[in-house]
Amino acid sequence: MLAAFEAMAERRAGHRLLAVLAHMGELGDLAESAHGRVGSRASEVFDAVAVIDTPLGRLLAESAHAELLADNQAAAEWVRQRARPGDTVLIKGSHSRHLEEVVAELTR
């Protein structure tokens, strides 16, 4: 996740960066600290961040100062309401959150 953030930061070129994030799975004992660290970095890189609401997602959202979203449909709507021409949006999280549904909704 941090590598994706850094790639986005390198592409900034004067436009806004938005992120829709979800929890990261299979981190075991590192889960809480990793979500806190990733959220902190997200708040530094992105102009606006939203996170899908799950227990670990709440930790991520809190450290990212992000808006919590109920589900993938709400995530697609969040992007539609905020993204402007020229903005770049990162959609990233555990595969178990099925964020490909958000991408599909936004690209149809």
PDB file of N, CA and C in Angstrom:
ATOM      1  N   MET A   1       0.833  -1.186   0.000  1.00  0.00           N
ATOM      2  CA  MET A   1       0.000   0.000   0.000  1.00  0.00           C
ATOM      3  C   MET A   1       0.878   1.249   0.000  1.00  0.00           C
ATOM      4  N   LEU A   2       1.916   1.263   0.813  1.00  0.00           N
ATOM      5  CA  LEU A   2       2.811   2.424   0.848  1.00  0.00           C
ATOM      6  C   LEU A   2       3.508   2.644  -0.489  1.00  0.00           C
ATOM      7  N   ALA A   3       3.861   1.575  -1.181  1.00  0.00           N
ATOM      8  CA  ALA A   3       4.486   1.710  -2.503  1.00  0.00           C
ATOM      9  C   ALA A   3       3.517   2.375  -3.482  1.00  0.00           C
ATOM     10  N   ALA A   4       2.247   2.036  -3.405  1.00  0.00           N
ATOM     11  CA  ALA A   4       1.249   2.674  -4.267  1.00  0.00           C
ATOM     12  C   ALA A   4       1.142   4.154  -3.944  1.00  0.00           C
ATOM     13  N   PHE A   5       1.205   4.505  -2.662  1.00  0.00           N
ATOM     14  CA  PHE A   5       1.147   5.913  -2.273  1.00  0.00           C
ATOM     15  C   PHE A   5       2.331   6.681  -2.853  1.00  0.00           C
ATOM     16  N   GLU A   6       3.504   6.085  -2.764  1.00  0.00           N
ATOM     17  CA  GLU A   6       4.699   6.766  -3.277  1.00  0.00           C
ATOM     18  C   GLU A   6       4.621   6.944  -4.789  1.00  0.00           C
ATOM     19  N   ALA A   7       4.112   5.945  -5.491  1.00  0.00           N
ATOM     20  CA  ALA A   7       3.936   6.077  -6.939  1.00  0.00           C
ATOM     21  C   ALA A   7       2.971   7.210  -7.262  1.00  0.00           C
ATOM     22  N   MET A   8       1.922   7.341  -6.473  1.00  0.00           N
ATOM     23  CA  MET A   8       0.963   8.427  -6.683  1.00  0.00           C
ATOM     24  C   MET A   8       1.610   9.776  -6.406  1.00  0.00           C
ATOM     25  N   ALA A   9       2.381   9.875  -5.346  1.00  0.00           N
ATOM     26  CA  ALA A   9       3.031  11.137  -4.985  1.00  0.00           C
ATOM     27  C   ALA A   9       3.966  11.612  -6.090  1.00  0.00           C
ATOM     28  N   GLU A  10       4.614  10.676  -6.750  1.00  0.00           N
ATOM     29  CA  GLU A  10       5.524  11.021  -7.849  1.00  0.00           C
ATOM     30  C   GLU A  10       4.778  11.571  -9.060  1.00  0.00           C
ATOM     31  N   ARG A  11       3.487  11.270  -9.173  1.00  0.00           N
ATOM     32  CA  ARG A  11       2.685  11.692 -10.327  1.00  0.00           C
ATOM     33  C   ARG A  11       1.915  12.979 -10.075  1.00  0.00           C
ATOM     34  N   ARG A  12       2.129  13.621  -8.957  1.00  0.00           N
ATOM     35  CA  ARG A  12       1.290  14.750  -8.547  1.00  0.00           C
ATOM     36  C   ARG A  12       1.182  15.832  -9.625  1.00  0.00           C
ATOM     37  N   ALA A  13       2.180  16.311 -10.190  1.00  0.00           N
ATOM     38  CA  ALA A  13       2.177  17.269 -11.316  1.00  0.00           C
ATOM     39  C   ALA A  13       1.062  18.306 -11.254  1.00  0.00           C
ATOM     40  N   GLY A  14       0.817  18.883 -10.103  1.00  0.00           N
ATOM     41  CA  GLY A  14      -0.117  19.994  -9.997  1.00  0.00           C
ATOM     42  C   GLY A  14      -1.589  19.646  -9.946  1.00  0.00           C
ATOM     43  N   HIS A  15      -1.941  18.401  -9.877  1.00  0.00           N
ATOM     44  CA  HIS A  15      -3.360  18.056  -9.774  1.00  0.00           C
ATOM     45  C   HIS A  15      -3.625  17.354  -8.444  1.00  0.00           C
ATOM     46  N   ARG A  16      -4.900  17.210  -8.126  1.00  0.00           N
ATOM     47  CA  ARG A  16      -5.283  16.610  -6.843  1.00  0.00           C
ATOM     48  C   ARG A  16      -5.179  15.092  -6.890  1.00  0.00           C
ATOM     49  N   LEU A  17      -4.861  14.528  -5.729  1.00  0.00           N
ATOM     50  CA  LEU A  17      -4.831  13.079  -5.552  1.00  0.00           C
ATOM     51  C   LEU A  17      -5.904  12.703  -4.541  1.00  0.00           C
ATOM     52  N   LEU A  18      -6.758  11.756  -4.925  1.00  0.00           N
ATOM     53  CA  LEU A  18      -7.800  11.245  -4.047  1.00  0.00           C
ATOM     54  C   LEU A  18      -7.559   9.759  -3.829  1.00  0.00           C
ATOM     55  N   ALA A  19      -8.007   9.247  -2.687  1.00  0.00           N
ATOM     56  CA  ALA A  19      -7.850   7.819  -2.419  1.00  0.00           C
ATOM     57  C   ALA A  19      -9.105   7.253  -1.786  1.00  0.00           C
ATOM     58  N   VAL A  20      -9.502   6.080  -2.277  1.00  0.00           N
ATOM     59  CA  VAL A  20     -10.506   5.245  -1.635  1.00  0.00           C
ATOM     60  C   VAL A  20      -9.748   4.014  -1.169  1.00  0.00           C
ATOM     61  N   LEU A  21      -9.711   3.817   0.127  1.00  0.00           N
ATOM     62  CA  LEU A  21      -8.932   2.730   0.705  1.00  0.00           C
ATOM     63  C   LEU A  21      -9.818   1.771   1.477  1.00  0.00           C
ATOM     64  N   ALA A  22      -9.315   0.567   1.646  1.00  0.00           N
ATOM     65  CA  ALA A  22      -9.964  -0.429   2.482  1.00  0.00           C
ATOM     66  C   ALA A  22      -8.886  -1.121   3.302  1.00  0.00           C
ATOM     67  N   HIS A  23      -9.326  -1.855   4.298  1.00  0.00           N
ATOM     68  CA  HIS A  23      -8.349  -2.511   5.178  1.00  0.00           C
ATOM     69  C   HIS A  23      -7.433  -3.450   4.393  1.00  0.00           C
ATOM     70  N   MET A  24      -6.312  -3.726   5.014  1.00  0.00           N
ATOM     71  CA  MET A  24      -5.331  -4.659   4.450  1.00  0.00           C
ATOM     72  C   MET A  24      -5.479  -5.971   5.212  1.00  0.00           C
ATOM     73  N   GLY A  25      -5.631  -7.060   4.499  1.00  0.00           N
ATOM     74  CA  GLY A  25      -5.830  -8.354   5.132  1.00  0.00           C
ATOM     75  C   GLY A  25      -4.541  -9.104   5.392  1.00  0.00           C
ATOM     76  N   GLU A  26      -4.646 -10.117   6.202  1.00  0.00           N
ATOM     77  CA  GLU A  26      -3.578 -11.093   6.435  1.00  0.00           C
ATOM     78  C   GLU A  26      -2.288 -10.487   6.981  1.00  0.00           C
ATOM     79  N   LEU A  27      -2.414  -9.526   7.888  1.00  0.00           N
ATOM     80  CA  LEU A  27      -1.229  -8.920   8.484  1.00  0.00           C
ATOM     81  C   LEU A  27      -0.940  -9.445   9.892  1.00  0.00           C
ATOM     82  N   GLY A  28      -1.855 -10.237  10.411  1.00  0.00           N
ATOM     83  CA  GLY A  28      -1.644 -10.839  11.725  1.00  0.00           C
ATOM     84  C   GLY A  28      -1.414  -9.798  12.810  1.00  0.00           C
ATOM     85  N   ASP A  29      -0.381 -10.023  13.627  1.00  0.00           N
ATOM     86  CA  ASP A  29      -0.086  -9.146  14.762  1.00  0.00           C
ATOM     87  C   ASP A  29       0.308  -7.730  14.352  1.00  0.00           C
ATOM     88  N   LEU A  30       0.673  -7.546  13.107  1.00  0.00           N
ATOM     89  CA  LEU A  30       1.091  -6.226  12.630  1.00  0.00           C
ATOM     90  C   LEU A  30      -0.080  -5.363  12.153  1.00  0.00           C
ATOM     91  N   ALA A  31      -1.279  -5.921  12.132  1.00  0.00           N
ATOM     92  CA  ALA A  31      -2.418  -5.254  11.506  1.00  0.00           C
ATOM     93  C   ALA A  31      -2.679  -3.857  12.066  1.00  0.00           C
ATOM     94  N   GLU A  32      -2.787  -3.721  13.367  1.00  0.00           N
ATOM     95  CA  GLU A  32      -3.136  -2.423  13.935  1.00  0.00           C
ATOM     96  C   GLU A  32      -2.065  -1.375  13.669  1.00  0.00           C
ATOM     97  N   SER A  33      -0.813  -1.707  13.918  1.00  0.00           N
ATOM     98  CA  SER A  33       0.252  -0.726  13.701  1.00  0.00           C
ATOM     99  C   SER A  33       0.396  -0.390  12.216  1.00  0.00           C
ATOM    100  N   ALA A  34       0.237  -1.380  11.344  1.00  0.00           N
ATOM    101  CA  ALA A  34       0.356  -1.143   9.907  1.00  0.00           C
ATOM    102  C   ALA A  34      -0.754  -0.219   9.413  1.00  0.00           C
ATOM    103  N   HIS A  35      -1.972  -0.419   9.883  1.00  0.00           N
ATOM    104  CA  HIS A  35      -3.068   0.443   9.457  1.00  0.00           C
ATOM    105  C   HIS A  35      -2.861   1.871   9.949  1.00  0.00           C
ATOM    106  N   GLY A  36      -2.317   2.036  11.138  1.00  0.00           N
ATOM    107  CA  GLY A  36      -2.015   3.373  11.638  1.00  0.00           C
ATOM    108  C   GLY A  36      -0.935   4.061  10.820  1.00  0.00           C
ATOM    109  N   ARG A  37       0.126   3.330  10.521  1.00  0.00           N
ATOM    110  CA  ARG A  37       1.233   3.889   9.736  1.00  0.00           C
ATOM    111  C   ARG A  37       0.780   4.246   8.317  1.00  0.00           C
ATOM    112  N   VAL A  38       0.025   3.366   7.702  1.00  0.00           N
ATOM    113  CA  VAL A  38      -0.462   3.604   6.339  1.00  0.00           C
ATOM    114  C   VAL A  38      -1.427   4.791   6.318  1.00  0.00           C
ATOM    115  N   GLY A  39      -2.294   4.870   7.308  1.00  0.00           N
ATOM    116  CA  GLY A  39      -3.219   6.007   7.372  1.00  0.00           C
ATOM    117  C   GLY A  39      -2.501   7.328   7.517  1.00  0.00           C
ATOM    118  N   SER A  40      -1.479   7.352   8.353  1.00  0.00           N
ATOM    119  CA  SER A  40      -0.697   8.588   8.523  1.00  0.00           C
ATOM    120  C   SER A  40      -0.072   9.026   7.210  1.00  0.00           C
ATOM    121  N   ARG A  41       0.489   8.088   6.481  1.00  0.00           N
ATOM    122  CA  ARG A  41       1.105   8.426   5.195  1.00  0.00           C
ATOM    123  C   ARG A  41       0.051   8.880   4.188  1.00  0.00           C
ATOM    124  N   ALA A  42      -1.119   8.242   4.205  1.00  0.00           N
ATOM    125  CA  ALA A  42      -2.192   8.642   3.289  1.00  0.00           C
ATOM    126  C   ALA A  42      -2.574  10.099   3.515  1.00  0.00           C
ATOM    127  N   SER A  43      -2.613  10.523   4.774  1.00  0.00           N
ATOM    128  CA  SER A  43      -2.980  11.910   5.062  1.00  0.00           C
ATOM    129  C   SER A  43      -1.947  12.894   4.531  1.00  0.00           C
ATOM    130  N   GLU A  44      -0.721  12.463   4.372  1.00  0.00           N
ATOM    131  CA  GLU A  44       0.342  13.315   3.838  1.00  0.00           C
ATOM    132  C   GLU A  44       0.326  13.377   2.308  1.00  0.00           C
ATOM    133  N   VAL A  45      -0.049  12.292   1.670  1.00  0.00           N
ATOM    134  CA  VAL A  45       0.044  12.191   0.210  1.00  0.00           C
ATOM    135  C   VAL A  45      -1.203  12.708  -0.502  1.00  0.00           C
ATOM    136  N   PHE A  46      -2.366  12.394   0.030  1.00  0.00           N
ATOM    137  CA  PHE A  46      -3.616  12.634  -0.695  1.00  0.00           C
ATOM    138  C   PHE A  46      -4.318  13.900  -0.229  1.00  0.00           C
ATOM    139  N   ASP A  47      -5.021  14.517  -1.167  1.00  0.00           N
ATOM    140  CA  ASP A  47      -5.815  15.697  -0.858  1.00  0.00           C
ATOM    141  C   ASP A  47      -7.125  15.332  -0.166  1.00  0.00           C
ATOM    142  N   ALA A  48      -7.633  14.152  -0.435  1.00  0.00           N
ATOM    143  CA  ALA A  48      -8.844  13.646   0.214  1.00  0.00           C
ATOM    144  C   ALA A  48      -8.770  12.127   0.246  1.00  0.00           C
ATOM    145  N   VAL A  49      -9.206  11.552   1.370  1.00  0.00           N
ATOM    146  CA  VAL A  49      -9.163  10.100   1.559  1.00  0.00           C
ATOM    147  C   VAL A  49     -10.495   9.647   2.115  1.00  0.00           C
ATOM    148  N   ALA A  50     -10.978   8.522   1.610  1.00  0.00           N
ATOM    149  CA  ALA A  50     -12.153   7.851   2.163  1.00  0.00           C
ATOM    150  C   ALA A  50     -11.786   6.389   2.374  1.00  0.00           C
ATOM    151  N   VAL A  51     -12.397   5.782   3.392  1.00  0.00           N
ATOM    152  CA  VAL A  51     -12.088   4.394   3.753  1.00  0.00           C
ATOM    153  C   VAL A  51     -13.388   3.638   3.956  1.00  0.00           C
ATOM    154  N   ILE A  52     -13.432   2.415   3.416  1.00  0.00           N
ATOM    155  CA  ILE A  52     -14.587   1.539   3.618  1.00  0.00           C
ATOM    156  C   ILE A  52     -14.624   1.120   5.089  1.00  0.00           C
ATOM    157  N   ASP A  53     -15.787   1.210   5.694  1.00  0.00           N
ATOM    158  CA  ASP A  53     -15.965   0.967   7.125  1.00  0.00           C
ATOM    159  C   ASP A  53     -15.898  -0.517   7.490  1.00  0.00           C
ATOM    160  N   THR A  54     -14.824  -0.890   8.163  1.00  0.00           N
ATOM    161  CA  THR A  54     -14.630  -2.197   8.802  1.00  0.00           C
ATOM    162  C   THR A  54     -13.843  -1.907  10.070  1.00  0.00           C
ATOM    163  N   PRO A  55     -13.703  -2.869  10.974  1.00  0.00           N
ATOM    164  CA  PRO A  55     -12.919  -2.580  12.188  1.00  0.00           C
ATOM    165  C   PRO A  55     -11.509  -2.052  11.886  1.00  0.00           C
ATOM    166  N   LEU A  56     -10.757  -2.715  11.022  1.00  0.00           N
ATOM    167  CA  LEU A  56      -9.422  -2.213  10.676  1.00  0.00           C
ATOM    168  C   LEU A  56      -9.503  -0.971   9.798  1.00  0.00           C
ATOM    169  N   GLY A  57     -10.538  -0.878   9.008  1.00  0.00           N
ATOM    170  CA  GLY A  57     -10.749   0.316   8.200  1.00  0.00           C
ATOM    171  C   GLY A  57     -10.924   1.555   9.071  1.00  0.00           C
ATOM    172  N   ARG A  58     -11.565   1.393  10.223  1.00  0.00           N
ATOM    173  CA  ARG A  58     -11.728   2.525  11.140  1.00  0.00           C
ATOM    174  C   ARG A  58     -10.381   3.018  11.655  1.00  0.00           C
ATOM    175  N   LEU A  59      -9.474   2.094  11.937  1.00  0.00           N
ATOM    176  CA  LEU A  59      -8.122   2.496  12.361  1.00  0.00           C
ATOM    177  C   LEU A  59      -7.418   3.260  11.242  1.00  0.00           C
ATOM    178  N   LEU A  60      -7.532   2.759  10.052  1.00  0.00           N
ATOM    179  CA  LEU A  60      -6.936   3.405   8.892  1.00  0.00           C
ATOM    180  C   LEU A  60      -7.533   4.799   8.704  1.00  0.00           C
ATOM    181  N   ALA A  61      -8.846   4.894   8.769  1.00  0.00           N
ATOM    182  CA  ALA A  61      -9.527   6.176   8.575  1.00  0.00           C
ATOM    183  C   ALA A  61      -9.137   7.185   9.649  1.00  0.00           C
ATOM    184  N   GLU A  62      -9.062   6.741  10.873  1.00  0.00           N
ATOM    185  CA  GLU A  62      -8.715   7.648  11.962  1.00  0.00           C
ATOM    186  C   GLU A  62      -7.325   8.256  11.759  1.00  0.00           C
ATOM    187  N   SER A  63      -6.363   7.436  11.426  1.00  0.00           N
ATOM    188  CA  SER A  63      -5.000   7.948  11.250  1.00  0.00           C
ATOM    189  C   SER A  63      -4.838   8.740   9.952  1.00  0.00           C
ATOM    190  N   ALA A  64      -5.729   8.515   8.990  1.00  0.00           N
ATOM    191  CA  ALA A  64      -5.679   9.251   7.717  1.00  0.00           C
ATOM    192  C   ALA A  64      -6.558  10.501   7.744  1.00  0.00           C
ATOM    193  N   HIS A  65      -7.318  10.697   8.830  1.00  0.00           N
ATOM    194  CA  HIS A  65      -8.288  11.796   8.907  1.00  0.00           C
ATOM    195  C   HIS A  65      -9.249  11.694   7.725  1.00  0.00           C
ATOM    196  N   ALA A  66      -9.718  10.474   7.502  1.00  0.00           N
ATOM    197  CA  ALA A  66     -10.528  10.164   6.323  1.00  0.00           C
ATOM    198  C   ALA A  66     -12.003  10.020   6.669  1.00  0.00           C
ATOM    199  N   GLU A  67     -12.795  10.133   5.641  1.00  0.00           N
ATOM    200  CA  GLU A  67     -14.225   9.888   5.755  1.00  0.00           C
ATOM    201  C   GLU A  67     -14.475   8.388   5.702  1.00  0.00           C
ATOM    202  N   LEU A  68     -15.351   7.883   6.563  1.00  0.00           N
ATOM    203  CA  LEU A  68     -15.738   6.469   6.525  1.00  0.00           C
ATOM    204  C   LEU A  68     -16.922   6.295   5.591  1.00  0.00           C
ATOM    205  N   LEU A  69     -16.857   5.254   4.764  1.00  0.00           N
ATOM    206  CA  LEU A  69     -17.921   4.955   3.810  1.00  0.00           C
ATOM    207  C   LEU A  69     -18.517   3.594   4.130  1.00  0.00           C
ATOM    208  N   ALA A  70     -19.814   3.475   3.991  1.00  0.00           N
ATOM    209  CA  ALA A  70     -20.511   2.255   4.376  1.00  0.00           C
ATOM    210  C   ALA A  70     -20.144   1.048   3.522  1.00  0.00           C
ATOM    211  N   ASP A  71     -19.960   1.253   2.212  1.00  0.00           N
ATOM    212  CA  ASP A  71     -19.756   0.113   1.322  1.00  0.00           C
ATOM    213  C   ASP A  71     -19.181   0.587  -0.013  1.00  0.00           C
ATOM    214  N   ASN A  72     -19.050  -0.350  -0.939  1.00  0.00           N
ATOM    215  CA  ASN A  72     -18.458  -0.032  -2.242  1.00  0.00           C
ATOM    216  C   ASN A  72     -19.308   0.939  -3.051  1.00  0.00           C
ATOM    217  N   GLN A  73     -20.609   0.837  -2.939  1.00  0.00           N
ATOM    218  CA  GLN A  73     -21.483   1.769  -3.653  1.00  0.00           C
ATOM    219  C   GLN A  73     -21.266   3.190  -3.146  1.00  0.00           C
ATOM    220  N   ALA A  74     -21.146   3.329  -1.846  1.00  0.00           N
ATOM    221  CA  ALA A  74     -20.869   4.651  -1.268  1.00  0.00           C
ATOM    222  C   ALA A  74     -19.504   5.161  -1.719  1.00  0.00           C
ATOM    223  N   ALA A  75     -18.557   4.258  -1.902  1.00  0.00           N
ATOM    224  CA  ALA A  75     -17.223   4.650  -2.368  1.00  0.00           C
ATOM    225  C   ALA A  75     -17.287   5.211  -3.789  1.00  0.00           C
ATOM    226  N   ALA A  76     -18.032   4.552  -4.655  1.00  0.00           N
ATOM    227  CA  ALA A  76     -18.174   5.051  -6.031  1.00  0.00           C
ATOM    228  C   ALA A  76     -18.844   6.420  -6.029  1.00  0.00           C
ATOM    229  N   GLU A  77     -19.844   6.592  -5.205  1.00  0.00           N
ATOM    230  CA  GLU A  77     -20.534   7.878  -5.114  1.00  0.00           C
ATOM    231  C   GLU A  77     -19.610   8.959  -4.562  1.00  0.00           C
ATOM    232  N   TRP A  78     -18.772   8.604  -3.592  1.00  0.00           N
ATOM    233  CA  TRP A  78     -17.804   9.554  -3.018  1.00  0.00           C
ATOM    234  C   TRP A  78     -16.878  10.080  -4.119  1.00  0.00           C
ATOM    235  N   VAL A  79     -16.388   9.178  -4.963  1.00  0.00           N
ATOM    236  CA  VAL A  79     -15.509   9.595  -6.056  1.00  0.00           C
ATOM    237  C   VAL A  79     -16.268  10.488  -7.036  1.00  0.00           C
ATOM    238  N   ARG A  80     -17.459  10.094  -7.403  1.00  0.00           N
ATOM    239  CA  ARG A  80     -18.247  10.895  -8.355  1.00  0.00           C
ATOM    240  C   ARG A  80     -18.476  12.316  -7.842  1.00  0.00           C
ATOM    241  N   GLN A  81     -18.697  12.448  -6.545  1.00  0.00           N
ATOM    242  CA  GLN A  81     -18.983  13.766  -5.973  1.00  0.00           C
ATOM    243  C   GLN A  81     -17.735  14.634  -5.831  1.00  0.00           C
ATOM    244  N   ARG A  82     -16.569  14.028  -5.708  1.00  0.00           N
ATOM    245  CA  ARG A  82     -15.372  14.803  -5.405  1.00  0.00           C
ATOM    246  C   ARG A  82     -14.383  14.953  -6.556  1.00  0.00           C
ATOM    247  N   ALA A  83     -14.284  13.966  -7.406  1.00  0.00           N
ATOM    248  CA  ALA A  83     -13.272  14.004  -8.464  1.00  0.00           C
ATOM    249  C   ALA A  83     -13.632  15.032  -9.525  1.00  0.00           C
ATOM    250  N   ARG A  84     -12.591  15.751  -9.936  1.00  0.00           N
ATOM    251  CA  ARG A  84     -12.729  16.751 -10.990  1.00  0.00           C
ATOM    252  C   ARG A  84     -11.803  16.360 -12.136  1.00  0.00           C
ATOM    253  N   PRO A  85     -12.027  16.891 -13.318  1.00  0.00           N
ATOM    254  CA  PRO A  85     -11.119  16.591 -14.430  1.00  0.00           C
ATOM    255  C   PRO A  85      -9.670  16.876 -14.028  1.00  0.00           C
ATOM    256  N   GLY A  86      -8.793  15.939 -14.348  1.00  0.00           N
ATOM    257  CA  GLY A  86      -7.378  16.067 -14.023  1.00  0.00           C
ATOM    258  C   GLY A  86      -6.965  15.412 -12.718  1.00  0.00           C
ATOM    259  N   ASP A  87      -7.924  15.112 -11.844  1.00  0.00           N
ATOM    260  CA  ASP A  87      -7.612  14.430 -10.589  1.00  0.00           C
ATOM    261  C   ASP A  87      -7.203  12.993 -10.862  1.00  0.00           C
ATOM    262  N   THR A  88      -6.405  12.438  -9.954  1.00  0.00           N
ATOM    263  CA  THR A  88      -6.042  11.028 -10.002  1.00  0.00           C
ATOM    264  C   THR A  88      -6.609  10.371  -8.750  1.00  0.00           C
ATOM    265  N   VAL A  89      -7.240   9.208  -8.933  1.00  0.00           N
ATOM    266  CA  VAL A  89      -7.868   8.499  -7.821  1.00  0.00           C
ATOM    267  C   VAL A  89      -7.223   7.129  -7.672  1.00  0.00           C
ATOM    268  N   LEU A  90      -6.747   6.837  -6.470  1.00  0.00           N
ATOM    269  CA  LEU A  90      -6.240   5.506  -6.132  1.00  0.00           C
ATOM    270  C   LEU A  90      -7.342   4.761  -5.399  1.00  0.00           C
ATOM    271  N   ILE A  91      -7.618   3.540  -5.837  1.00  0.00           N
ATOM    272  CA  ILE A  91      -8.580   2.663  -5.174  1.00  0.00           C
ATOM    273  C   ILE A  91      -7.809   1.421  -4.782  1.00  0.00           C
ATOM    274  N   LYS A  92      -7.626   1.215  -3.455  1.00  0.00           N
ATOM    275  CA  LYS A  92      -6.712   0.158  -3.006  1.00  0.00           C
ATOM    276  C   LYS A  92      -7.163  -0.401  -1.666  1.00  0.00           C
ATOM    277  N   GLY A  93      -7.034  -1.712  -1.538  1.00  0.00           N
ATOM    278  CA  GLY A  93      -7.335  -2.400  -0.281  1.00  0.00           C
ATOM    279  C   GLY A  93      -7.216  -3.892  -0.476  1.00  0.00           C
ATOM    280  N   SER A  94      -7.525  -4.619   0.561  1.00  0.00           N
ATOM    281  CA  SER A  94      -7.482  -6.070   0.501  1.00  0.00           C
ATOM    282  C   SER A  94      -8.432  -6.584  -0.573  1.00  0.00           C
ATOM    283  N   HIS A  95      -7.991  -7.606  -1.272  1.00  0.00           N
ATOM    284  CA  HIS A  95      -8.840  -8.200  -2.317  1.00  0.00           C
ATOM    285  C   HIS A  95     -10.189  -8.642  -1.751  1.00  0.00           C
ATOM    286  N   SER A  96     -10.228  -8.996  -0.485  1.00  0.00           N
ATOM    287  CA  SER A  96     -11.478  -9.452   0.139  1.00  0.00           C
ATOM    288  C   SER A  96     -12.548  -8.362   0.176  1.00  0.00           C
ATOM    289  N   ARG A  97     -12.178  -7.109  -0.009  1.00  0.00           N
ATOM    290  CA  ARG A  97     -13.139  -5.997  -0.017  1.00  0.00           C
ATOM    291  C   ARG A  97     -13.745  -5.781  -1.406  1.00  0.00           C
ATOM    292  N   HIS A  98     -13.238  -6.470  -2.412  1.00  0.00           N
ATOM    293  CA  HIS A  98     -13.799  -6.422  -3.768  1.00  0.00           C
ATOM    294  C   HIS A  98     -13.892  -4.995  -4.321  1.00  0.00           C
ATOM    295  N   LEU A  99     -12.820  -4.243  -4.174  1.00  0.00           N
ATOM    296  CA  LEU A  99     -12.820  -2.876  -4.673  1.00  0.00           C
ATOM    297  C   LEU A  99     -12.861  -2.794  -6.186  1.00  0.00           C
ATOM    298  N   GLU A 100     -12.665  -3.925  -6.860  1.00  0.00           N
ATOM    299  CA  GLU A 100     -12.833  -3.931  -8.313  1.00  0.00           C
ATOM    300  C   GLU A 100     -14.269  -3.543  -8.685  1.00  0.00           C
ATOM    301  N   GLU A 101     -15.214  -3.747  -7.762  1.00  0.00           N
ATOM    302  CA  GLU A 101     -16.591  -3.325  -7.992  1.00  0.00           C
ATOM    303  C   GLU A 101     -16.693  -1.804  -8.089  1.00  0.00           C
ATOM    304  N   VAL A 102     -15.898  -1.103  -7.296  1.00  0.00           N
ATOM    305  CA  VAL A 102     -15.880   0.360  -7.340  1.00  0.00           C
ATOM    306  C   VAL A 102     -15.330   0.817  -8.688  1.00  0.00           C
ATOM    307  N   VAL A 103     -14.237   0.216  -9.114  1.00  0.00           N
ATOM    308  CA  VAL A 103     -13.642   0.565 -10.400  1.00  0.00           C
ATOM    309  C   VAL A 103     -14.647   0.288 -11.526  1.00  0.00           C
ATOM    310  N   ALA A 104     -15.287  -0.856 -11.491  1.00  0.00           N
ATOM    311  CA  ALA A 104     -16.261  -1.208 -12.531  1.00  0.00           C
ATOM    312  C   ALA A 104     -17.411  -0.191 -12.565  1.00  0.00           C
ATOM    313  N   GLU A 105     -17.886   0.198 -11.421  1.00  0.00           N
ATOM    314  CA  GLU A 105     -18.982   1.173 -11.343  1.00  0.00           C
ATOM    315  C   GLU A 105     -18.561   2.519 -11.913  1.00  0.00           C
ATOM    316  N   LEU A 106     -17.320   2.914 -11.644  1.00  0.00           N
ATOM    317  CA  LEU A 106     -16.848   4.214 -12.099  1.00  0.00           C
ATOM    318  C   LEU A 106     -16.466   4.240 -13.577  1.00  0.00           C
ATOM    319  N   THR A 107     -16.186   3.104 -14.147  1.00  0.00           N
ATOM    320  CA  THR A 107     -15.718   3.069 -15.541  1.00  0.00           C
ATOM    321  C   THR A 107     -16.779   2.608 -16.523  1.00  0.00           C
ATOM    322  N   ARG A 108     -17.977   2.387 -16.074  1.00  0.00           N
ATOM    323  CA  ARG A 108     -19.000   1.994 -17.046  1.00  0.00           C
ATOM    324  C   ARG A 108     -19.740   3.158 -17.597  1.00  0.00           C
TER     325      ARG A 108
END
